[in-house]
Amino acid sequence: EVYDMFGINFEGHPDLRRIFLDKDF
């Protein structure tokens, strides 16, 4: 959610992709 809304990268996250918005947003 933080990645999706703020664009912060979480190093080592197993599945870092958008959760609310479309992948092409």
PDB file of all heavy atoms in Angstrom:
ATOM      1  N   GLU A   1       0.825  -1.198   0.000  1.00  0.00           N
ATOM      2  CA  GLU A   1       0.000   0.000   0.000  1.00  0.00           C
ATOM      3  C   GLU A   1       0.867   1.260   0.000  1.00  0.00           C
ATOM      4  O   GLU A   1       0.596   2.218  -0.738  1.00  0.00           O
ATOM      5  CB  GLU A   1      -0.926  -0.008   1.214  1.00  0.00           C
ATOM      6  CG  GLU A   1      -1.842   1.200   1.295  1.00  0.00           C
ATOM      7  CD  GLU A   1      -2.770   1.148   2.485  1.00  0.00           C
ATOM      8  OE1 GLU A   1      -2.902   0.076   3.099  1.00  0.00           O
ATOM      9  OE2 GLU A   1      -3.371   2.194   2.816  1.00  0.00           O
ATOM     10  N   VAL A   2       1.935   1.294   0.832  1.00  0.00           N
ATOM     11  CA  VAL A   2       2.841   2.439   0.867  1.00  0.00           C
ATOM     12  C   VAL A   2       3.556   2.584  -0.470  1.00  0.00           C
ATOM     13  O   VAL A   2       3.731   3.697  -0.988  1.00  0.00           O
ATOM     14  CB  VAL A   2       3.849   2.285   2.021  1.00  0.00           C
ATOM     15  CG1 VAL A   2       4.884   3.406   1.991  1.00  0.00           C
ATOM     16  CG2 VAL A   2       3.125   2.288   3.369  1.00  0.00           C
ATOM     17  N   TYR A   3       3.961   1.475  -1.059  1.00  0.00           N
ATOM     18  CA  TYR A   3       4.588   1.507  -2.382  1.00  0.00           C
ATOM     19  C   TYR A   3       3.629   2.073  -3.427  1.00  0.00           C
ATOM     20  O   TYR A   3       3.996   2.905  -4.249  1.00  0.00           O
ATOM     21  CB  TYR A   3       5.032   0.100  -2.770  1.00  0.00           C
ATOM     22  CG  TYR A   3       5.265  -0.092  -4.250  1.00  0.00           C
ATOM     23  CD1 TYR A   3       6.405   0.393  -4.872  1.00  0.00           C
ATOM     24  CD2 TYR A   3       4.310  -0.762  -5.030  1.00  0.00           C
ATOM     25  CE1 TYR A   3       6.609   0.221  -6.240  1.00  0.00           C
ATOM     26  CE2 TYR A   3       4.495  -0.946  -6.385  1.00  0.00           C
ATOM     27  CZ  TYR A   3       5.639  -0.446  -6.990  1.00  0.00           C
ATOM     28  OH  TYR A   3       5.824  -0.615  -8.346  1.00  0.00           O
ATOM     29  N   ASP A   4       2.374   1.649  -3.370  1.00  0.00           N
ATOM     30  CA  ASP A   4       1.372   2.060  -4.340  1.00  0.00           C
ATOM     31  C   ASP A   4       1.050   3.546  -4.229  1.00  0.00           C
ATOM     32  O   ASP A   4       0.860   4.232  -5.238  1.00  0.00           O
ATOM     33  CB  ASP A   4       0.099   1.230  -4.135  1.00  0.00           C
ATOM     34  CG  ASP A   4      -0.844   1.295  -5.325  1.00  0.00           C
ATOM     35  OD1 ASP A   4      -0.488   1.870  -6.365  1.00  0.00           O
ATOM     36  OD2 ASP A   4      -1.966   0.745  -5.230  1.00  0.00           O
ATOM     37  N   MET A   5       0.990   4.071  -3.005  1.00  0.00           N
ATOM     38  CA  MET A   5       0.569   5.447  -2.785  1.00  0.00           C
ATOM     39  C   MET A   5       1.724   6.445  -2.777  1.00  0.00           C
ATOM     40  O   MET A   5       1.556   7.598  -3.180  1.00  0.00           O
ATOM     41  CB  MET A   5      -0.186   5.548  -1.454  1.00  0.00           C
ATOM     42  CG  MET A   5      -1.494   4.771  -1.415  1.00  0.00           C
ATOM     43  SD  MET A   5      -2.789   5.488  -2.458  1.00  0.00           S
ATOM     44  CE  MET A   5      -2.870   4.252  -3.749  1.00  0.00           C
ATOM     45  N   PHE A   6       2.921   6.017  -2.298  1.00  0.00           N
ATOM     46  CA  PHE A   6       4.034   6.951  -2.127  1.00  0.00           C
ATOM     47  C   PHE A   6       5.232   6.667  -3.036  1.00  0.00           C
ATOM     48  O   PHE A   6       6.119   7.506  -3.152  1.00  0.00           O
ATOM     49  CB  PHE A   6       4.524   6.929  -0.670  1.00  0.00           C
ATOM     50  CG  PHE A   6       3.557   7.525   0.302  1.00  0.00           C
ATOM     51  CD1 PHE A   6       2.626   6.741   0.948  1.00  0.00           C
ATOM     52  CD2 PHE A   6       3.571   8.884   0.582  1.00  0.00           C
ATOM     53  CE1 PHE A   6       1.726   7.281   1.850  1.00  0.00           C
ATOM     54  CE2 PHE A   6       2.688   9.441   1.488  1.00  0.00           C
ATOM     55  CZ  PHE A   6       1.748   8.636   2.116  1.00  0.00           C
ATOM     56  N   GLY A   7       5.283   5.500  -3.641  1.00  0.00           N
ATOM     57  CA  GLY A   7       6.432   5.197  -4.483  1.00  0.00           C
ATOM     58  C   GLY A   7       7.701   4.950  -3.697  1.00  0.00           C
ATOM     59  O   GLY A   7       8.792   5.341  -4.112  1.00  0.00           O
ATOM     60  N   ILE A   8       7.590   4.290  -2.546  1.00  0.00           N
ATOM     61  CA  ILE A   8       8.748   3.903  -1.742  1.00  0.00           C
ATOM     62  C   ILE A   8       9.052   2.433  -2.026  1.00  0.00           C
ATOM     63  O   ILE A   8       8.166   1.583  -1.942  1.00  0.00           O
ATOM     64  CB  ILE A   8       8.489   4.122  -0.246  1.00  0.00           C
ATOM     65  CG1 ILE A   8       8.269   5.615   0.038  1.00  0.00           C
ATOM     66  CG2 ILE A   8       9.639   3.591   0.589  1.00  0.00           C
ATOM     67  CD1 ILE A   8       7.905   5.917   1.482  1.00  0.00           C
ATOM     68  N   ASN A   9      10.288   2.148  -2.336  1.00  0.00           N
ATOM     69  CA  ASN A   9      10.709   0.787  -2.651  1.00  0.00           C
ATOM     70  C   ASN A   9      11.069   0.033  -1.370  1.00  0.00           C
ATOM     71  O   ASN A   9      11.817   0.537  -0.539  1.00  0.00           O
ATOM     72  CB  ASN A   9      11.914   0.824  -3.593  1.00  0.00           C
ATOM     73  CG  ASN A   9      12.423  -0.574  -3.919  1.00  0.00           C
ATOM     74  OD1 ASN A   9      11.646  -1.477  -4.186  1.00  0.00           O
ATOM     75  ND2 ASN A   9      13.734  -0.747  -3.882  1.00  0.00           N
ATOM     76  N   PHE A  10      10.516  -1.171  -1.196  1.00  0.00           N
ATOM     77  CA  PHE A  10      10.813  -2.010  -0.042  1.00  0.00           C
ATOM     78  C   PHE A  10      11.729  -3.145  -0.501  1.00  0.00           C
ATOM     79  O   PHE A  10      11.295  -4.096  -1.142  1.00  0.00           O
ATOM     80  CB  PHE A  10       9.526  -2.555   0.585  1.00  0.00           C
ATOM     81  CG  PHE A  10       8.740  -1.510   1.309  1.00  0.00           C
ATOM     82  CD1 PHE A  10       7.799  -0.740   0.641  1.00  0.00           C
ATOM     83  CD2 PHE A  10       8.951  -1.279   2.657  1.00  0.00           C
ATOM     84  CE1 PHE A  10       7.077   0.235   1.302  1.00  0.00           C
ATOM     85  CE2 PHE A  10       8.227  -0.301   3.331  1.00  0.00           C
ATOM     86  CZ  PHE A  10       7.294   0.452   2.646  1.00  0.00           C
ATOM     87  N   GLU A  11      12.989  -3.001  -0.152  1.00  0.00           N
ATOM     88  CA  GLU A  11      14.007  -3.957  -0.588  1.00  0.00           C
ATOM     89  C   GLU A  11      13.789  -5.313   0.072  1.00  0.00           C
ATOM     90  O   GLU A  11      13.640  -5.414   1.285  1.00  0.00           O
ATOM     91  CB  GLU A  11      15.391  -3.410  -0.246  1.00  0.00           C
ATOM     92  CG  GLU A  11      16.538  -4.189  -0.857  1.00  0.00           C
ATOM     93  CD  GLU A  11      17.877  -3.563  -0.551  1.00  0.00           C
ATOM     94  OE1 GLU A  11      17.928  -2.629   0.286  1.00  0.00           O
ATOM     95  OE2 GLU A  11      18.885  -3.976  -1.149  1.00  0.00           O
ATOM     96  N   GLY A  12      13.731  -6.362  -0.747  1.00  0.00           N
ATOM     97  CA  GLY A  12      13.535  -7.719  -0.235  1.00  0.00           C
ATOM     98  C   GLY A  12      12.085  -8.137  -0.132  1.00  0.00           C
ATOM     99  O   GLY A  12      11.790  -9.249   0.326  1.00  0.00           O
ATOM    100  N   HIS A  13      11.143  -7.267  -0.537  1.00  0.00           N
ATOM    101  CA  HIS A  13       9.718  -7.602  -0.483  1.00  0.00           C
ATOM    102  C   HIS A  13       9.425  -8.728  -1.481  1.00  0.00           C
ATOM    103  O   HIS A  13       9.862  -8.679  -2.629  1.00  0.00           O
ATOM    104  CB  HIS A  13       8.874  -6.374  -0.802  1.00  0.00           C
ATOM    105  CG  HIS A  13       7.425  -6.536  -0.481  1.00  0.00           C
ATOM    106  ND1 HIS A  13       6.559  -7.260  -1.257  1.00  0.00           N
ATOM    107  CD2 HIS A  13       6.679  -6.061   0.567  1.00  0.00           C
ATOM    108  CE1 HIS A  13       5.345  -7.216  -0.725  1.00  0.00           C
ATOM    109  NE2 HIS A  13       5.395  -6.489   0.375  1.00  0.00           N
ATOM    110  N   PRO A  14       8.661  -9.752  -1.072  1.00  0.00           N
ATOM    111  CA  PRO A  14       8.436 -10.901  -1.958  1.00  0.00           C
ATOM    112  C   PRO A  14       7.494 -10.639  -3.126  1.00  0.00           C
ATOM    113  O   PRO A  14       7.522 -11.376  -4.120  1.00  0.00           O
ATOM    114  CB  PRO A  14       7.837 -11.952  -1.015  1.00  0.00           C
ATOM    115  CG  PRO A  14       7.185 -11.156   0.071  1.00  0.00           C
ATOM    116  CD  PRO A  14       8.042  -9.940   0.259  1.00  0.00           C
ATOM    117  N   ASP A  15       6.661  -9.607  -3.043  1.00  0.00           N
ATOM    118  CA  ASP A  15       5.656  -9.389  -4.083  1.00  0.00           C
ATOM    119  C   ASP A  15       5.300  -7.910  -4.158  1.00  0.00           C
ATOM    120  O   ASP A  15       4.166  -7.513  -3.949  1.00  0.00           O
ATOM    121  CB  ASP A  15       4.406 -10.227  -3.794  1.00  0.00           C
ATOM    122  CG  ASP A  15       3.381 -10.180  -4.915  1.00  0.00           C
ATOM    123  OD1 ASP A  15       3.769  -9.881  -6.062  1.00  0.00           O
ATOM    124  OD2 ASP A  15       2.182 -10.428  -4.650  1.00  0.00           O
ATOM    125  N   LEU A  16       6.271  -7.079  -4.509  1.00  0.00           N
ATOM    126  CA  LEU A  16       6.064  -5.633  -4.516  1.00  0.00           C
ATOM    127  C   LEU A  16       5.402  -5.199  -5.825  1.00  0.00           C
ATOM    128  O   LEU A  16       6.067  -5.043  -6.845  1.00  0.00           O
ATOM    129  CB  LEU A  16       7.395  -4.902  -4.315  1.00  0.00           C
ATOM    130  CG  LEU A  16       7.284  -3.414  -3.944  1.00  0.00           C
ATOM    131  CD1 LEU A  16       6.543  -3.220  -2.633  1.00  0.00           C
ATOM    132  CD2 LEU A  16       8.661  -2.775  -3.872  1.00  0.00           C
ATOM    133  N   ARG A  17       4.104  -5.021  -5.792  1.00  0.00           N
ATOM    134  CA  ARG A  17       3.320  -4.539  -6.919  1.00  0.00           C
ATOM    135  C   ARG A  17       2.142  -3.729  -6.384  1.00  0.00           C
ATOM    136  O   ARG A  17       1.855  -3.734  -5.191  1.00  0.00           O
ATOM    137  CB  ARG A  17       2.821  -5.696  -7.797  1.00  0.00           C
ATOM    138  CG  ARG A  17       2.071  -6.769  -7.027  1.00  0.00           C
ATOM    139  CD  ARG A  17       1.857  -8.016  -7.864  1.00  0.00           C
ATOM    140  NE  ARG A  17       1.295  -9.089  -7.073  1.00  0.00           N
ATOM    141  CZ  ARG A  17      -0.009  -9.350  -6.960  1.00  0.00           C
ATOM    142  NH1 ARG A  17      -0.890  -8.605  -7.620  1.00  0.00           N
ATOM    143  NH2 ARG A  17      -0.452 -10.354  -6.216  1.00  0.00           N
ATOM    144  N   ARG A  18       1.487  -3.010  -7.265  1.00  0.00           N
ATOM    145  CA  ARG A  18       0.361  -2.178  -6.851  1.00  0.00           C
ATOM    146  C   ARG A  18      -0.745  -3.029  -6.251  1.00  0.00           C
ATOM    147  O   ARG A  18      -0.958  -4.179  -6.675  1.00  0.00           O
ATOM    148  CB  ARG A  18      -0.163  -1.361  -8.024  1.00  0.00           C
ATOM    149  CG  ARG A  18       0.819  -0.291  -8.504  1.00  0.00           C
ATOM    150  CD  ARG A  18       0.133   0.691  -9.409  1.00  0.00           C
ATOM    151  NE  ARG A  18       0.993   1.718  -9.925  1.00  0.00           N
ATOM    152  CZ  ARG A  18       1.233   2.885  -9.333  1.00  0.00           C
ATOM    153  NH1 ARG A  18       0.659   3.168  -8.163  1.00  0.00           N
ATOM    154  NH2 ARG A  18       2.038   3.779  -9.895  1.00  0.00           N
ATOM    155  N   ILE A  19      -1.443  -2.426  -5.272  1.00  0.00           N
ATOM    156  CA  ILE A  19      -2.491  -3.161  -4.575  1.00  0.00           C
ATOM    157  C   ILE A  19      -3.859  -2.510  -4.750  1.00  0.00           C
ATOM    158  O   ILE A  19      -4.873  -3.199  -4.764  1.00  0.00           O
ATOM    159  CB  ILE A  19      -2.138  -3.303  -3.078  1.00  0.00           C
ATOM    160  CG1 ILE A  19      -3.109  -4.228  -2.365  1.00  0.00           C
ATOM    161  CG2 ILE A  19      -2.094  -1.937  -2.386  1.00  0.00           C
ATOM    162  CD1 ILE A  19      -2.689  -4.587  -0.944  1.00  0.00           C
ATOM    163  N   PHE A  20      -3.901  -1.179  -4.914  1.00  0.00           N
ATOM    164  CA  PHE A  20      -5.151  -0.467  -5.128  1.00  0.00           C
ATOM    165  C   PHE A  20      -5.333  -0.037  -6.582  1.00  0.00           C
ATOM    166  O   PHE A  20      -6.425  -0.147  -7.133  1.00  0.00           O
ATOM    167  CB  PHE A  20      -5.230   0.775  -4.228  1.00  0.00           C
ATOM    168  CG  PHE A  20      -5.319   0.459  -2.769  1.00  0.00           C
ATOM    169  CD1 PHE A  20      -4.407   0.985  -1.864  1.00  0.00           C
ATOM    170  CD2 PHE A  20      -6.316  -0.366  -2.289  1.00  0.00           C
ATOM    171  CE1 PHE A  20      -4.488   0.697  -0.525  1.00  0.00           C
ATOM    172  CE2 PHE A  20      -6.410  -0.655  -0.938  1.00  0.00           C
ATOM    173  CZ  PHE A  20      -5.489  -0.125  -0.059  1.00  0.00           C
ATOM    174  N   LEU A  21      -4.271   0.466  -7.161  1.00  0.00           N
ATOM    175  CA  LEU A  21      -4.337   1.041  -8.494  1.00  0.00           C
ATOM    176  C   LEU A  21      -3.945   0.021  -9.553  1.00  0.00           C
ATOM    177  O   LEU A  21      -3.293  -0.992  -9.271  1.00  0.00           O
ATOM    178  CB  LEU A  21      -3.420   2.260  -8.582  1.00  0.00           C
ATOM    179  CG  LEU A  21      -3.729   3.367  -7.566  1.00  0.00           C
ATOM    180  CD1 LEU A  21      -2.666   4.439  -7.616  1.00  0.00           C
ATOM    181  CD2 LEU A  21      -5.105   3.959  -7.827  1.00  0.00           C
ATOM    182  N   ASP A  22      -4.354   0.311 -10.786  1.00  0.00           N
ATOM    183  CA  ASP A  22      -4.016  -0.546 -11.913  1.00  0.00           C
ATOM    184  C   ASP A  22      -2.511  -0.570 -12.126  1.00  0.00           C
ATOM    185  O   ASP A  22      -1.810   0.420 -11.870  1.00  0.00           O
ATOM    186  CB  ASP A  22      -4.730  -0.044 -13.167  1.00  0.00           C
ATOM    187  CG  ASP A  22      -4.530  -0.964 -14.351  1.00  0.00           C
ATOM    188  OD1 ASP A  22      -5.233  -1.998 -14.414  1.00  0.00           O
ATOM    189  OD2 ASP A  22      -3.683  -0.674 -15.218  1.00  0.00           O
ATOM    190  N   LYS A  23      -2.009  -1.691 -12.625  1.00  0.00           N
ATOM    191  CA  LYS A  23      -0.564  -1.842 -12.798  1.00  0.00           C
ATOM    192  C   LYS A  23       0.008  -0.826 -13.772  1.00  0.00           C
ATOM    193  O   LYS A  23       1.204  -0.523 -13.731  1.00  0.00           O
ATOM    194  CB  LYS A  23      -0.236  -3.260 -13.263  1.00  0.00           C
ATOM    195  CG  LYS A  23      -0.814  -3.624 -14.629  1.00  0.00           C
ATOM    196  CD  LYS A  23      -0.445  -5.042 -15.028  1.00  0.00           C
ATOM    197  CE  LYS A  23      -1.024  -5.391 -16.395  1.00  0.00           C
ATOM    198  NZ  LYS A  23      -0.661  -6.779 -16.803  1.00  0.00           N
ATOM    199  N   ASP A  24      -0.823  -0.290 -14.672  1.00  0.00           N
ATOM    200  CA  ASP A  24      -0.361   0.694 -15.650  1.00  0.00           C
ATOM    201  C   ASP A  24      -0.560   2.132 -15.178  1.00  0.00           C
ATOM    202  O   ASP A  24      -0.289   3.065 -15.940  1.00  0.00           O
ATOM    203  CB  ASP A  24      -1.089   0.487 -16.980  1.00  0.00           C
ATOM    204  CG  ASP A  24      -0.807  -0.885 -17.586  1.00  0.00           C
ATOM    205  OD1 ASP A  24       0.334  -1.365 -17.462  1.00  0.00           O
ATOM    206  OD2 ASP A  24      -1.740  -1.480 -18.176  1.00  0.00           O
ATOM    207  N   PHE A  25      -1.022   2.332 -13.942  1.00  0.00           N
ATOM    208  CA  PHE A  25      -1.244   3.674 -13.424  1.00  0.00           C
ATOM    209  C   PHE A  25       0.090   4.406 -13.311  1.00  0.00           C
ATOM    210  O   PHE A  25       1.097   3.841 -12.871  1.00  0.00           O
ATOM    211  CB  PHE A  25      -1.938   3.616 -12.069  1.00  0.00           C
ATOM    212  CG  PHE A  25      -2.419   4.945 -11.564  1.00  0.00           C
ATOM    213  CD1 PHE A  25      -3.685   5.400 -11.890  1.00  0.00           C
ATOM    214  CD2 PHE A  25      -1.614   5.744 -10.780  1.00  0.00           C
ATOM    215  CE1 PHE A  25      -4.141   6.627 -11.430  1.00  0.00           C
ATOM    216  CE2 PHE A  25      -2.057   6.969 -10.314  1.00  0.00           C
ATOM    217  CZ  PHE A  25      -3.327   7.415 -10.646  1.00  0.00           C
TER     218      PHE A  25
END
